[in-house]
Amino acid sequence: MLQEALQRKWSAVRAGLLDVVDKYAEAELDFRPVADGYSAGDVMRHIAHEEEIEVAYGLARVETALPSAFERDDFATKEAVVRLLERTHARTLRYLETLEDAELDAEFTAPWGARGRRIDALLHVLEHEIHHRGELSFMLGLLGRRGLDA
């Protein structure tokens, strides 16, 4: 039951993220609100990267080495970023489907040594996505357009 609730919530959050991404024009992926900050596209790739680290590498262990950051040159278009976000999230959902509620509550040790409950690690990744989804929505406001109405 907990696993299904987490899947539903995360799927709704991801749908909102994809809605925000869709609002960007292709050229706006390189928009940076501050000179040294992440661009909108960087933030999008960063969301996928964190999910890969925490879930695919840290929890599911389908990645055997710490995943490298997703580079702009490899995911420069909106279409490529959307495919990346969809691919990483599909893998997360497949992992979630393998877990019973007791496993979500169970302790685990990440490859980098952190210890905790699986549910807390997954909620961390969900919170990370919500945070950056809001950041992307705010960037749209800086561009003079309306972002996500959550």
Protein backbone atom coordinates (compact mmCIF):
# COMPACT_ATOMS: atom_id res chain seq x y z
CA MET A 1 0.00 0.00 0.00
CA LEU A 2 2.80 2.46 0.89
CA GLN A 3 4.66 1.49 -2.27
CA GLU A 4 1.58 2.18 -4.41
CA ALA A 5 0.99 5.55 -2.73
CA LEU A 6 4.61 6.53 -3.36
CA GLN A 7 4.33 5.50 -7.00
CA ARG A 8 1.15 7.53 -7.47
CA LYS A 9 2.59 10.62 -5.82
CA TRP A 10 5.87 10.43 -7.70
CA SER A 11 4.09 9.88 -11.01
CA ALA A 12 2.01 13.02 -10.37
CA VAL A 13 5.13 15.01 -9.48
CA ARG A 14 6.90 13.75 -12.61
CA ALA A 15 3.90 14.71 -14.76
CA GLY A 16 4.15 18.23 -13.30
CA LEU A 17 7.88 18.30 -14.02
CA LEU A 18 7.32 17.26 -17.63
CA ASP A 19 4.63 19.96 -17.91
CA VAL A 20 7.15 22.56 -16.73
CA VAL A 21 9.82 21.25 -19.13
CA ASP A 22 7.31 21.46 -21.97
CA LYS A 23 6.79 25.18 -21.30
CA TYR A 24 10.42 25.93 -22.19
CA ALA A 25 11.38 26.93 -25.69
CA GLU A 26 14.38 25.02 -27.01
CA ALA A 27 16.71 28.03 -26.74
CA GLU A 28 15.63 28.63 -23.13
CA LEU A 29 17.28 25.43 -21.94
CA ASP A 30 20.48 27.51 -21.73
CA PHE A 31 18.83 30.26 -19.65
CA ARG A 32 20.78 30.97 -16.44
CA PRO A 33 19.22 33.26 -13.84
CA VAL A 34 22.72 34.03 -12.51
CA ALA A 35 26.02 33.87 -14.31
CA ASP A 36 27.53 31.02 -12.28
CA GLY A 37 24.28 29.11 -11.76
CA TYR A 38 22.76 26.10 -13.41
CA SER A 39 20.92 26.66 -16.66
CA ALA A 40 17.36 25.39 -16.94
CA GLY A 41 18.67 22.42 -18.94
CA ASP A 42 21.33 21.76 -16.30
CA VAL A 43 18.63 21.58 -13.63
CA MET A 44 16.62 19.13 -15.75
CA ARG A 45 19.64 16.88 -16.30
CA HIS A 46 20.55 17.20 -12.61
CA ILE A 47 17.13 15.85 -11.57
CA ALA A 48 17.72 12.73 -13.67
CA HIS A 49 21.29 12.39 -12.41
CA GLU A 50 20.29 12.49 -8.75
CA GLU A 51 17.63 9.86 -9.41
CA GLU A 52 20.21 7.64 -11.12
CA ILE A 53 22.64 8.02 -8.21
CA GLU A 54 20.17 7.49 -5.39
CA VAL A 55 17.91 4.85 -6.93
CA ALA A 56 19.73 2.98 -9.71
CA TYR A 57 23.11 3.02 -7.96
CA GLY A 58 22.31 3.46 -4.28
CA LEU A 59 19.15 1.39 -3.81
CA ALA A 60 18.49 -0.90 -6.77
CA ARG A 61 22.19 -1.46 -7.48
CA VAL A 62 21.60 -1.81 -11.22
CA GLU A 63 24.46 0.62 -11.75
CA THR A 64 27.76 -0.78 -10.47
CA ALA A 65 29.63 2.53 -10.44
CA LEU A 66 28.63 6.04 -9.47
CA PRO A 67 26.83 7.41 -12.55
CA SER A 68 28.52 10.36 -14.22
CA ALA A 69 26.63 13.59 -14.68
CA PHE A 70 24.49 13.87 -17.80
CA GLU A 71 26.32 16.36 -20.01
CA ARG A 72 24.71 19.10 -22.04
CA ASP A 73 26.30 17.88 -25.27
CA ASP A 74 24.66 14.47 -24.84
CA PHE A 75 21.24 15.86 -23.84
CA ALA A 76 21.11 19.30 -25.45
CA THR A 77 17.56 19.27 -26.81
CA LYS A 78 14.29 19.32 -24.95
CA GLU A 79 13.36 16.01 -26.56
CA ALA A 80 16.59 14.40 -25.34
CA VAL A 81 16.07 15.74 -21.81
CA VAL A 82 12.49 14.46 -21.71
CA ARG A 83 13.61 11.01 -22.89
CA LEU A 84 16.31 11.03 -20.19
CA LEU A 85 13.81 11.97 -17.47
CA GLU A 86 11.37 9.33 -18.69
CA ARG A 87 14.06 6.63 -18.85
CA THR A 88 15.40 7.28 -15.36
CA HIS A 89 11.92 7.47 -13.87
CA ALA A 90 10.75 4.28 -15.59
CA ARG A 91 13.67 2.46 -13.97
CA THR A 92 12.73 3.92 -10.59
CA LEU A 93 9.11 2.80 -10.99
CA ARG A 94 10.24 -0.72 -11.96
CA TYR A 95 12.36 -0.82 -8.80
CA LEU A 96 9.47 0.41 -6.65
CA GLU A 97 7.25 -2.36 -8.03
CA THR A 98 9.67 -4.95 -6.60
CA LEU A 99 9.33 -3.65 -3.04
CA GLU A 100 6.88 -4.68 -0.36
CA ASP A 101 6.03 -2.16 2.35
CA ALA A 102 8.28 -3.97 4.85
CA GLU A 103 11.21 -3.58 2.46
CA LEU A 104 10.51 0.15 2.16
CA ASP A 105 10.76 0.43 5.94
CA ALA A 106 13.92 -1.72 6.09
CA GLU A 107 17.39 -0.32 6.67
CA PHE A 108 19.94 -0.33 3.86
CA THR A 109 23.50 0.84 3.40
CA ALA A 110 24.28 2.88 0.28
CA PRO A 111 27.48 2.18 -1.66
CA TRP A 112 28.93 5.44 -0.28
CA GLY A 113 28.30 4.29 3.30
CA ALA A 114 25.14 6.19 4.23
CA ARG A 115 22.63 4.15 6.22
CA GLY A 116 18.91 4.61 6.49
CA ARG A 117 15.50 3.32 5.53
CA ARG A 118 14.70 2.80 1.86
CA ILE A 119 11.55 4.91 2.14
CA ASP A 120 13.58 7.86 3.46
CA ALA A 121 16.05 7.61 0.57
CA LEU A 122 13.20 7.50 -1.94
CA LEU A 123 11.41 10.41 -0.30
CA HIS A 124 14.70 12.36 -0.45
CA VAL A 125 14.82 11.86 -4.23
CA LEU A 126 11.16 12.84 -4.56
CA GLU A 127 11.75 15.97 -2.46
CA HIS A 128 14.79 16.79 -4.61
CA GLU A 129 12.64 16.59 -7.74
CA ILE A 130 9.90 18.76 -6.21
CA HIS A 131 12.51 21.34 -5.18
CA HIS A 132 14.04 21.58 -8.65
CA ARG A 133 10.64 21.46 -10.36
CA GLY A 134 9.83 24.61 -8.39
CA GLU A 135 13.14 26.13 -9.40
CA LEU A 136 12.37 25.47 -13.07
CA SER A 137 8.91 26.97 -12.62
CA PHE A 138 10.45 30.07 -11.02
CA MET A 139 12.88 30.38 -13.94
CA LEU A 140 9.90 30.45 -16.29
CA GLY A 141 8.58 33.39 -14.26
CA LEU A 142 11.91 35.15 -14.74
CA LEU A 143 11.43 34.59 -18.45
CA GLY A 144 8.05 36.32 -18.18
CA ARG A 145 5.90 33.22 -18.40
CA ARG A 146 3.69 31.29 -16.06
CA GLY A 147 5.15 28.14 -14.50
CA LEU A 148 3.50 25.20 -12.79
CA ASP A 149 0.36 25.83 -10.77
CA ALA A 150 0.85 23.09 -8.19
